[in-house]
Amino acid sequence: MTLLVLPPGPVAGSSPIAEVVCEPTPDMINRLEAQFGERRLGRGTRGYAQIMEVWADDSGDWTLIMTYASGTSCIVAMGENWEGVAREDPA
């Protein structure tokens, strides 16, 4: 099992979005959509008070965020070369 530990302050990285760790959810959504051109591709619940979301742009850069019931969203991971996978038809 791999554990991701984020430092308490901003994270240095090659992506400008790496400067954001946590912020109010409306601000995070605005940054992902307006500033970085990403759109939400999927989401799922994690318990009763958390939503995990995958956001990506047309070039394949992606961001994984955790949204909490408290109204805060945090970047969990980010990367490149996102490729959507279509569901297979079981028939």
PDB file of N, CA and C in Angstrom:
ATOM      1  N   MET A   1       0.838  -1.162   0.000  1.00  0.00           N
ATOM      2  CA  MET A   1       0.000   0.000   0.000  1.00  0.00           C
ATOM      3  C   MET A   1       0.887   1.231   0.000  1.00  0.00           C
ATOM      4  N   THR A   2       0.624   2.169  -0.904  1.00  0.00           N
ATOM      5  CA  THR A   2       1.384   3.395  -0.998  1.00  0.00           C
ATOM      6  C   THR A   2       0.629   4.508  -0.299  1.00  0.00           C
ATOM      7  N   LEU A   3       1.323   5.286   0.497  1.00  0.00           N
ATOM      8  CA  LEU A   3       0.715   6.393   1.227  1.00  0.00           C
ATOM      9  C   LEU A   3       1.270   7.691   0.686  1.00  0.00           C
ATOM     10  N   LEU A   4       0.394   8.596   0.270  1.00  0.00           N
ATOM     11  CA  LEU A   4       0.796   9.905  -0.228  1.00  0.00           C
ATOM     12  C   LEU A   4       0.701  10.887   0.921  1.00  0.00           C
ATOM     13  N   VAL A   5       1.822  11.521   1.247  1.00  0.00           N
ATOM     14  CA  VAL A   5       1.838  12.497   2.324  1.00  0.00           C
ATOM     15  C   VAL A   5       2.165  13.850   1.719  1.00  0.00           C
ATOM     16  N   LEU A   6       1.268  14.812   1.915  1.00  0.00           N
ATOM     17  CA  LEU A   6       1.486  16.157   1.411  1.00  0.00           C
ATOM     18  C   LEU A   6       2.049  17.039   2.508  1.00  0.00           C
ATOM     19  N   PRO A   7       3.030  17.882   2.174  1.00  0.00           N
ATOM     20  CA  PRO A   7       3.557  18.797   3.175  1.00  0.00           C
ATOM     21  C   PRO A   7       2.513  19.850   3.519  1.00  0.00           C
ATOM     22  N   PRO A   8       2.650  20.521   4.660  1.00  0.00           N
ATOM     23  CA  PRO A   8       1.637  21.478   5.084  1.00  0.00           C
ATOM     24  C   PRO A   8       1.571  22.725   4.232  1.00  0.00           C
ATOM     25  N   GLY A   9       2.592  23.047   3.472  1.00  0.00           N
ATOM     26  CA  GLY A   9       2.609  24.258   2.658  1.00  0.00           C
ATOM     27  C   GLY A   9       2.506  23.944   1.191  1.00  0.00           C
ATOM     28  N   PRO A  10       2.682  24.957   0.335  1.00  0.00           N
ATOM     29  CA  PRO A  10       2.629  24.740  -1.115  1.00  0.00           C
ATOM     30  C   PRO A  10       3.656  23.710  -1.563  1.00  0.00           C
ATOM     31  N   VAL A  11       3.312  22.992  -2.601  1.00  0.00           N
ATOM     32  CA  VAL A  11       4.172  21.954  -3.141  1.00  0.00           C
ATOM     33  C   VAL A  11       4.885  22.488  -4.368  1.00  0.00           C
ATOM     34  N   ALA A  12       6.193  22.330  -4.437  1.00  0.00           N
ATOM     35  CA  ALA A  12       6.946  22.757  -5.612  1.00  0.00           C
ATOM     36  C   ALA A  12       6.811  21.690  -6.680  1.00  0.00           C
ATOM     37  N   GLY A  13       6.696  22.120  -7.916  1.00  0.00           N
ATOM     38  CA  GLY A  13       6.578  21.169  -9.006  1.00  0.00           C
ATOM     39  C   GLY A  13       6.653  21.873 -10.336  1.00  0.00           C
ATOM     40  N   SER A  14       6.605  21.104 -11.413  1.00  0.00           N
ATOM     41  CA  SER A  14       6.720  21.702 -12.730  1.00  0.00           C
ATOM     42  C   SER A  14       5.401  22.272 -13.219  1.00  0.00           C
ATOM     43  N   SER A  15       4.281  21.858 -12.653  1.00  0.00           N
ATOM     44  CA  SER A  15       2.972  22.347 -13.060  1.00  0.00           C
ATOM     45  C   SER A  15       2.581  23.552 -12.213  1.00  0.00           C
ATOM     46  N   PRO A  16       2.018  24.601 -12.840  1.00  0.00           N
ATOM     47  CA  PRO A  16       1.592  25.751 -12.050  1.00  0.00           C
ATOM     48  C   PRO A  16       0.482  25.397 -11.075  1.00  0.00           C
ATOM     49  N   ILE A  17      -0.265  24.354 -11.347  1.00  0.00           N
ATOM     50  CA  ILE A  17      -1.333  23.940 -10.449  1.00  0.00           C
ATOM     51  C   ILE A  17      -0.760  23.311  -9.180  1.00  0.00           C
ATOM     52  N   ALA A  18       0.519  22.930  -9.205  1.00  0.00           N
ATOM     53  CA  ALA A  18       1.157  22.314  -8.041  1.00  0.00           C
ATOM     54  C   ALA A  18       1.260  23.293  -6.881  1.00  0.00           C
ATOM     55  N   GLU A  19       1.123  24.582  -7.138  1.00  0.00           N
ATOM     56  CA  GLU A  19       1.202  25.575  -6.082  1.00  0.00           C
ATOM     57  C   GLU A  19      -0.034  25.532  -5.181  1.00  0.00           C
ATOM     58  N   VAL A  20      -1.100  24.918  -5.645  1.00  0.00           N
ATOM     59  CA  VAL A  20      -2.337  24.847  -4.879  1.00  0.00           C
ATOM     60  C   VAL A  20      -2.398  23.502  -4.190  1.00  0.00           C
ATOM     61  N   VAL A  21      -2.570  23.492  -2.887  1.00  0.00           N
ATOM     62  CA  VAL A  21      -2.748  22.240  -2.172  1.00  0.00           C
ATOM     63  C   VAL A  21      -4.216  22.104  -1.805  1.00  0.00           C
ATOM     64  N   CYS A  22      -4.754  23.043  -1.012  1.00  0.00           N
ATOM     65  CA  CYS A  22      -6.164  23.039  -0.631  1.00  0.00           C
ATOM     66  C   CYS A  22      -6.703  24.460  -0.700  1.00  0.00           C
ATOM     67  N   GLU A  23      -7.973  24.578  -1.062  1.00  0.00           N
ATOM     68  CA  GLU A  23      -8.640  25.869  -1.054  1.00  0.00           C
ATOM     69  C   GLU A  23     -10.145  25.635  -1.110  1.00  0.00           C
ATOM     70  N   PRO A  24     -10.952  26.667  -0.872  1.00  0.00           N
ATOM     71  CA  PRO A  24     -12.404  26.483  -0.949  1.00  0.00           C
ATOM     72  C   PRO A  24     -12.798  25.890  -2.308  1.00  0.00           C
ATOM     73  N   THR A  25     -13.762  24.978  -2.281  1.00  0.00           N
ATOM     74  CA  THR A  25     -14.149  24.257  -3.493  1.00  0.00           C
ATOM     75  C   THR A  25     -14.494  25.169  -4.667  1.00  0.00           C
ATOM     76  N   PRO A  26     -15.284  26.251  -4.495  1.00  0.00           N
ATOM     77  CA  PRO A  26     -15.569  27.115  -5.652  1.00  0.00           C
ATOM     78  C   PRO A  26     -14.303  27.716  -6.267  1.00  0.00           C
ATOM     79  N   ASP A  27     -13.311  28.060  -5.433  1.00  0.00           N
ATOM     80  CA  ASP A  27     -12.053  28.599  -5.937  1.00  0.00           C
ATOM     81  C   ASP A  27     -11.264  27.537  -6.696  1.00  0.00           C
ATOM     82  N   MET A  28     -11.272  26.312  -6.173  1.00  0.00           N
ATOM     83  CA  MET A  28     -10.563  25.216  -6.843  1.00  0.00           C
ATOM     84  C   MET A  28     -11.190  24.935  -8.206  1.00  0.00           C
ATOM     85  N   ILE A  29     -12.521  24.871  -8.258  1.00  0.00           N
ATOM     86  CA  ILE A  29     -13.206  24.613  -9.527  1.00  0.00           C
ATOM     87  C   ILE A  29     -12.919  25.729 -10.524  1.00  0.00           C
ATOM     88  N   ASN A  30     -12.953  26.969 -10.067  1.00  0.00           N
ATOM     89  CA  ASN A  30     -12.657  28.096 -10.950  1.00  0.00           C
ATOM     90  C   ASN A  30     -11.247  28.004 -11.505  1.00  0.00           C
ATOM     91  N   ARG A  31     -10.292  27.662 -10.650  1.00  0.00           N
ATOM     92  CA  ARG A  31      -8.897  27.545 -11.093  1.00  0.00           C
ATOM     93  C   ARG A  31      -8.755  26.425 -12.132  1.00  0.00           C
ATOM     94  N   LEU A  32      -9.372  25.274 -11.855  1.00  0.00           N
ATOM     95  CA  LEU A  32      -9.260  24.146 -12.784  1.00  0.00           C
ATOM     96  C   LEU A  32      -9.900  24.466 -14.131  1.00  0.00           C
ATOM     97  N   GLU A  33     -11.072  25.111 -14.118  1.00  0.00           N
ATOM     98  CA  GLU A  33     -11.785  25.410 -15.366  1.00  0.00           C
ATOM     99  C   GLU A  33     -11.203  26.618 -16.095  1.00  0.00           C
ATOM    100  N   ALA A  34     -11.151  27.748 -15.431  1.00  0.00           N
ATOM    101  CA  ALA A  34     -10.793  29.001 -16.095  1.00  0.00           C
ATOM    102  C   ALA A  34      -9.294  29.148 -16.318  1.00  0.00           C
ATOM    103  N   GLN A  35      -8.503  28.854 -15.317  1.00  0.00           N
ATOM    104  CA  GLN A  35      -7.073  29.095 -15.422  1.00  0.00           C
ATOM    105  C   GLN A  35      -6.337  27.975 -16.156  1.00  0.00           C
ATOM    106  N   PHE A  36      -6.784  26.721 -15.974  1.00  0.00           N
ATOM    107  CA  PHE A  36      -6.054  25.600 -16.548  1.00  0.00           C
ATOM    108  C   PHE A  36      -6.806  24.856 -17.644  1.00  0.00           C
ATOM    109  N   GLY A  37      -8.042  25.270 -17.923  1.00  0.00           N
ATOM    110  CA  GLY A  37      -8.792  24.669 -19.021  1.00  0.00           C
ATOM    111  C   GLY A  37      -9.171  23.215 -18.801  1.00  0.00           C
ATOM    112  N   GLU A  38      -9.258  22.784 -17.558  1.00  0.00           N
ATOM    113  CA  GLU A  38      -9.626  21.393 -17.282  1.00  0.00           C
ATOM    114  C   GLU A  38     -11.135  21.280 -17.092  1.00  0.00           C
ATOM    115  N   ARG A  39     -11.627  20.072 -17.313  1.00  0.00           N
ATOM    116  CA  ARG A  39     -13.042  19.787 -17.052  1.00  0.00           C
ATOM    117  C   ARG A  39     -13.121  18.488 -16.264  1.00  0.00           C
ATOM    118  N   ARG A  40     -14.193  18.360 -15.482  1.00  0.00           N
ATOM    119  CA  ARG A  40     -14.362  17.166 -14.659  1.00  0.00           C
ATOM    120  C   ARG A  40     -14.722  15.987 -15.558  1.00  0.00           C
ATOM    121  N   LEU A  41     -13.967  14.899 -15.442  1.00  0.00           N
ATOM    122  CA  LEU A  41     -14.201  13.706 -16.253  1.00  0.00           C
ATOM    123  C   LEU A  41     -14.907  12.609 -15.478  1.00  0.00           C
ATOM    124  N   GLY A  42     -14.779  12.628 -14.175  1.00  0.00           N
ATOM    125  CA  GLY A  42     -15.427  11.595 -13.377  1.00  0.00           C
ATOM    126  C   GLY A  42     -15.310  11.908 -11.909  1.00  0.00           C
ATOM    127  N   ARG A  43     -16.147  11.234 -11.142  1.00  0.00           N
ATOM    128  CA  ARG A  43     -16.103  11.404  -9.693  1.00  0.00           C
ATOM    129  C   ARG A  43     -16.732  10.206  -9.019  1.00  0.00           C
ATOM    130  N   GLY A  44     -16.393  10.029  -7.762  1.00  0.00           N
ATOM    131  CA  GLY A  44     -16.972   8.967  -6.958  1.00  0.00           C
ATOM    132  C   GLY A  44     -16.874   9.331  -5.497  1.00  0.00           C
ATOM    133  N   THR A  45     -17.745   8.755  -4.706  1.00  0.00           N
ATOM    134  CA  THR A  45     -17.734   9.062  -3.286  1.00  0.00           C
ATOM    135  C   THR A  45     -16.729   8.186  -2.552  1.00  0.00           C
ATOM    136  N   ARG A  46     -16.226   8.746  -1.484  1.00  0.00           N
ATOM    137  CA  ARG A  46     -15.325   8.024  -0.583  1.00  0.00           C
ATOM    138  C   ARG A  46     -15.864   8.272   0.810  1.00  0.00           C
ATOM    139  N   GLY A  47     -16.679   7.370   1.267  1.00  0.00           N
ATOM    140  CA  GLY A  47     -17.363   7.593   2.532  1.00  0.00           C
ATOM    141  C   GLY A  47     -18.543   8.527   2.309  1.00  0.00           C
ATOM    142  N   TYR A  48     -19.074   9.068   3.376  1.00  0.00           N
ATOM    143  CA  TYR A  48     -20.248   9.921   3.258  1.00  0.00           C
ATOM    144  C   TYR A  48     -19.901  11.400   3.132  1.00  0.00           C
ATOM    145  N   ALA A  49     -18.641  11.787   3.304  1.00  0.00           N
ATOM    146  CA  ALA A  49     -18.306  13.208   3.330  1.00  0.00           C
ATOM    147  C   ALA A  49     -17.178  13.595   2.382  1.00  0.00           C
ATOM    148  N   GLN A  50     -16.817  12.711   1.437  1.00  0.00           N
ATOM    149  CA  GLN A  50     -15.718  13.008   0.525  1.00  0.00           C
ATOM    150  C   GLN A  50     -16.076  12.588  -0.890  1.00  0.00           C
ATOM    151  N   ILE A  51     -15.657  13.392  -1.851  1.00  0.00           N
ATOM    152  CA  ILE A  51     -15.837  13.078  -3.267  1.00  0.00           C
ATOM    153  C   ILE A  51     -14.476  13.192  -3.947  1.00  0.00           C
ATOM    154  N   MET A  52     -14.059  12.143  -4.635  1.00  0.00           N
ATOM    155  CA  MET A  52     -12.819  12.137  -5.403  1.00  0.00           C
ATOM    156  C   MET A  52     -13.184  12.483  -6.843  1.00  0.00           C
ATOM    157  N   GLU A  53     -12.467  13.445  -7.442  1.00  0.00           N
ATOM    158  CA  GLU A  53     -12.764  13.879  -8.806  1.00  0.00           C
ATOM    159  C   GLU A  53     -11.511  13.878  -9.665  1.00  0.00           C
ATOM    160  N   VAL A  54     -11.673  13.492 -10.926  1.00  0.00           N
ATOM    161  CA  VAL A  54     -10.601  13.564 -11.904  1.00  0.00           C
ATOM    162  C   VAL A  54     -10.944  14.682 -12.885  1.00  0.00           C
ATOM    163  N   TRP A  55     -10.016  15.596 -13.059  1.00  0.00           N
ATOM    164  CA  TRP A  55     -10.143  16.709 -14.000  1.00  0.00           C
ATOM    165  C   TRP A  55      -9.005  16.591 -15.006  1.00  0.00           C
ATOM    166  N   ALA A  56      -9.256  16.964 -16.270  1.00  0.00           N
ATOM    167  CA  ALA A  56      -8.196  16.917 -17.277  1.00  0.00           C
ATOM    168  C   ALA A  56      -8.461  17.961 -18.347  1.00  0.00           C
ATOM    169  N   ASP A  57      -7.393  18.331 -19.046  1.00  0.00           N
ATOM    170  CA  ASP A  57      -7.534  19.247 -20.173  1.00  0.00           C
ATOM    171  C   ASP A  57      -7.363  18.470 -21.476  1.00  0.00           C
ATOM    172  N   ASP A  58      -7.510  19.157 -22.594  1.00  0.00           N
ATOM    173  CA  ASP A  58      -7.441  18.492 -23.901  1.00  0.00           C
ATOM    174  C   ASP A  58      -6.057  17.968 -24.240  1.00  0.00           C
ATOM    175  N   SER A  59      -5.015  18.501 -23.594  1.00  0.00           N
ATOM    176  CA  SER A  59      -3.660  18.035 -23.895  1.00  0.00           C
ATOM    177  C   SER A  59      -3.276  16.802 -23.082  1.00  0.00           C
ATOM    178  N   GLY A  60      -4.118  16.408 -22.120  1.00  0.00           N
ATOM    179  CA  GLY A  60      -3.842  15.210 -21.329  1.00  0.00           C
ATOM    180  C   GLY A  60      -3.321  15.476 -19.934  1.00  0.00           C
ATOM    181  N   ASP A  61      -3.117  16.757 -19.558  1.00  0.00           N
ATOM    182  CA  ASP A  61      -2.736  17.047 -18.178  1.00  0.00           C
ATOM    183  C   ASP A  61      -3.942  16.754 -17.289  1.00  0.00           C
ATOM    184  N   TRP A  62      -3.728  16.126 -16.139  1.00  0.00           N
ATOM    185  CA  TRP A  62      -4.848  15.761 -15.270  1.00  0.00           C
ATOM    186  C   TRP A  62      -4.555  16.104 -13.818  1.00  0.00           C
ATOM    187  N   THR A  63      -5.645  16.284 -13.071  1.00  0.00           N
ATOM    188  CA  THR A  63      -5.575  16.603 -11.651  1.00  0.00           C
ATOM    189  C   THR A  63      -6.600  15.749 -10.914  1.00  0.00           C
ATOM    190  N   LEU A  64      -6.193  15.157  -9.819  1.00  0.00           N
ATOM    191  CA  LEU A  64      -7.077  14.383  -8.959  1.00  0.00           C
ATOM    192  C   LEU A  64      -7.290  15.198  -7.698  1.00  0.00           C
ATOM    193  N   ILE A  65      -8.560  15.532  -7.401  1.00  0.00           N
ATOM    194  CA  ILE A  65      -8.839  16.306  -6.196  1.00  0.00           C
ATOM    195  C   ILE A  65      -9.800  15.546  -5.283  1.00  0.00           C
ATOM    196  N   MET A  66      -9.686  15.840  -3.999  1.00  0.00           N
ATOM    197  CA  MET A  66     -10.611  15.326  -3.001  1.00  0.00           C
ATOM    198  C   MET A  66     -11.422  16.516  -2.512  1.00  0.00           C
ATOM    199  N   THR A  67     -12.739  16.410  -2.598  1.00  0.00           N
ATOM    200  CA  THR A  67     -13.632  17.459  -2.126  1.00  0.00           C
ATOM    201  C   THR A  67     -14.286  16.976  -0.843  1.00  0.00           C
ATOM    202  N   TYR A  68     -14.234  17.810   0.178  1.00  0.00           N
ATOM    203  CA  TYR A  68     -14.740  17.465   1.504  1.00  0.00           C
ATOM    204  C   TYR A  68     -16.057  18.186   1.772  1.00  0.00           C
ATOM    205  N   ALA A  69     -16.887  17.614   2.622  1.00  0.00           N
ATOM    206  CA  ALA A  69     -18.166  18.209   2.985  1.00  0.00           C
ATOM    207  C   ALA A  69     -17.992  19.573   3.641  1.00  0.00           C
ATOM    208  N   SER A  70     -16.824  19.858   4.148  1.00  0.00           N
ATOM    209  CA  SER A  70     -16.543  21.142   4.791  1.00  0.00           C
ATOM    210  C   SER A  70     -16.492  22.293   3.798  1.00  0.00           C
ATOM    211  N   GLY A  71     -16.436  21.967   2.478  1.00  0.00           N
ATOM    212  CA  GLY A  71     -16.359  23.017   1.466  1.00  0.00           C
ATOM    213  C   GLY A  71     -14.955  23.280   0.966  1.00  0.00           C
ATOM    214  N   THR A  72     -14.025  22.408   1.305  1.00  0.00           N
ATOM    215  CA  THR A  72     -12.633  22.526   0.869  1.00  0.00           C
ATOM    216  C   THR A  72     -12.312  21.413  -0.116  1.00  0.00           C
ATOM    217  N   SER A  73     -11.504  21.743  -1.123  1.00  0.00           N
ATOM    218  CA  SER A  73     -11.003  20.737  -2.068  1.00  0.00           C
ATOM    219  C   SER A  73      -9.487  20.755  -2.031  1.00  0.00           C
ATOM    220  N   CYS A  74      -8.871  19.578  -2.139  1.00  0.00           N
ATOM    221  CA  CYS A  74      -7.415  19.446  -2.082  1.00  0.00           C
ATOM    222  C   CYS A  74      -6.916  18.634  -3.265  1.00  0.00           C
ATOM    223  N   ILE A  75      -5.796  19.051  -3.801  1.00  0.00           N
ATOM    224  CA  ILE A  75      -5.140  18.295  -4.864  1.00  0.00           C
ATOM    225  C   ILE A  75      -4.475  17.078  -4.240  1.00  0.00           C
ATOM    226  N   VAL A  76      -4.800  15.915  -4.769  1.00  0.00           N
ATOM    227  CA  VAL A  76      -4.234  14.661  -4.281  1.00  0.00           C
ATOM    228  C   VAL A  76      -3.076  14.224  -5.176  1.00  0.00           C
ATOM    229  N   ALA A  77      -3.247  14.397  -6.487  1.00  0.00           N
ATOM    230  CA  ALA A  77      -2.216  13.999  -7.443  1.00  0.00           C
ATOM    231  C   ALA A  77      -2.450  14.747  -8.750  1.00  0.00           C
ATOM    232  N   MET A  78      -1.428  14.797  -9.579  1.00  0.00           N
ATOM    233  CA  MET A  78      -1.559  15.365 -10.916  1.00  0.00           C
ATOM    234  C   MET A  78      -0.523  14.732 -11.821  1.00  0.00           C
ATOM    235  N   GLY A  79      -0.786  14.805 -13.118  1.00  0.00           N
ATOM    236  CA  GLY A  79       0.145  14.192 -14.050  1.00  0.00           C
ATOM    237  C   GLY A  79      -0.165  14.562 -15.481  1.00  0.00           C
ATOM    238  N   GLU A  80       0.336  13.749 -16.377  1.00  0.00           N
ATOM    239  CA  GLU A  80       0.213  13.987 -17.814  1.00  0.00           C
ATOM    240  C   GLU A  80      -0.328  12.740 -18.504  1.00  0.00           C
ATOM    241  N   ASN A  81      -0.647  12.901 -19.768  1.00  0.00           N
ATOM    242  CA  ASN A  81      -1.027  11.799 -20.653  1.00  0.00           C
ATOM    243  C   ASN A  81      -2.295  11.073 -20.223  1.00  0.00           C
ATOM    244  N   TRP A  82      -3.294  11.827 -19.740  1.00  0.00           N
ATOM    245  CA  TRP A  82      -4.565  11.216 -19.383  1.00  0.00           C
ATOM    246  C   TRP A  82      -5.199  10.609 -20.618  1.00  0.00           C
ATOM    247  N   GLU A  83      -5.723   9.417 -20.481  1.00  0.00           N
ATOM    248  CA  GLU A  83      -6.403   8.744 -21.576  1.00  0.00           C
ATOM    249  C   GLU A  83      -7.707   8.166 -21.031  1.00  0.00           C
ATOM    250  N   GLY A  84      -8.810   8.659 -21.543  1.00  0.00           N
ATOM    251  CA  GLY A  84     -10.107   8.134 -21.119  1.00  0.00           C
ATOM    252  C   GLY A  84     -10.312   6.732 -21.658  1.00  0.00           C
ATOM    253  N   VAL A  85     -10.999   5.921 -20.903  1.00  0.00           N
ATOM    254  CA  VAL A  85     -11.275   4.546 -21.304  1.00  0.00           C
ATOM    255  C   VAL A  85     -12.790   4.369 -21.359  1.00  0.00           C
ATOM    256  N   ALA A  86     -13.270   3.950 -22.507  1.00  0.00           N
ATOM    257  CA  ALA A  86     -14.707   3.721 -22.675  1.00  0.00           C
ATOM    258  C   ALA A  86     -15.089   2.384 -22.022  1.00  0.00           C
ATOM    259  N   ARG A  87     -16.283   2.340 -21.496  1.00  0.00           N
ATOM    260  CA  ARG A  87     -16.782   1.079 -20.934  1.00  0.00           C
ATOM    261  C   ARG A  87     -16.976   0.062 -22.045  1.00  0.00           C
ATOM    262  N   GLU A  88     -16.654  -1.163 -21.731  1.00  0.00           N
ATOM    263  CA  GLU A  88     -16.856  -2.228 -22.704  1.00  0.00           C
ATOM    264  C   GLU A  88     -18.301  -2.704 -22.647  1.00  0.00           C
ATOM    265  N   ASP A  89     -18.857  -3.002 -23.794  1.00  0.00           N
ATOM    266  CA  ASP A  89     -20.206  -3.522 -23.869  1.00  0.00           C
ATOM    267  C   ASP A  89     -20.153  -5.011 -23.501  1.00  0.00           C
ATOM    268  N   PRO A  90     -20.846  -5.408 -22.419  1.00  0.00           N
ATOM    269  CA  PRO A  90     -20.765  -6.806 -21.995  1.00  0.00           C
ATOM    270  C   PRO A  90     -21.456  -7.769 -22.950  1.00  0.00           C
ATOM    271  N   ALA A  91     -22.199  -7.252 -23.909  1.00  0.00           N
ATOM    272  CA  ALA A  91     -22.926  -8.140 -24.836  1.00  0.00           C
ATOM    273  C   ALA A  91     -22.039  -8.708 -25.841  1.00  0.00           C
TER     274      ALA A  91
END
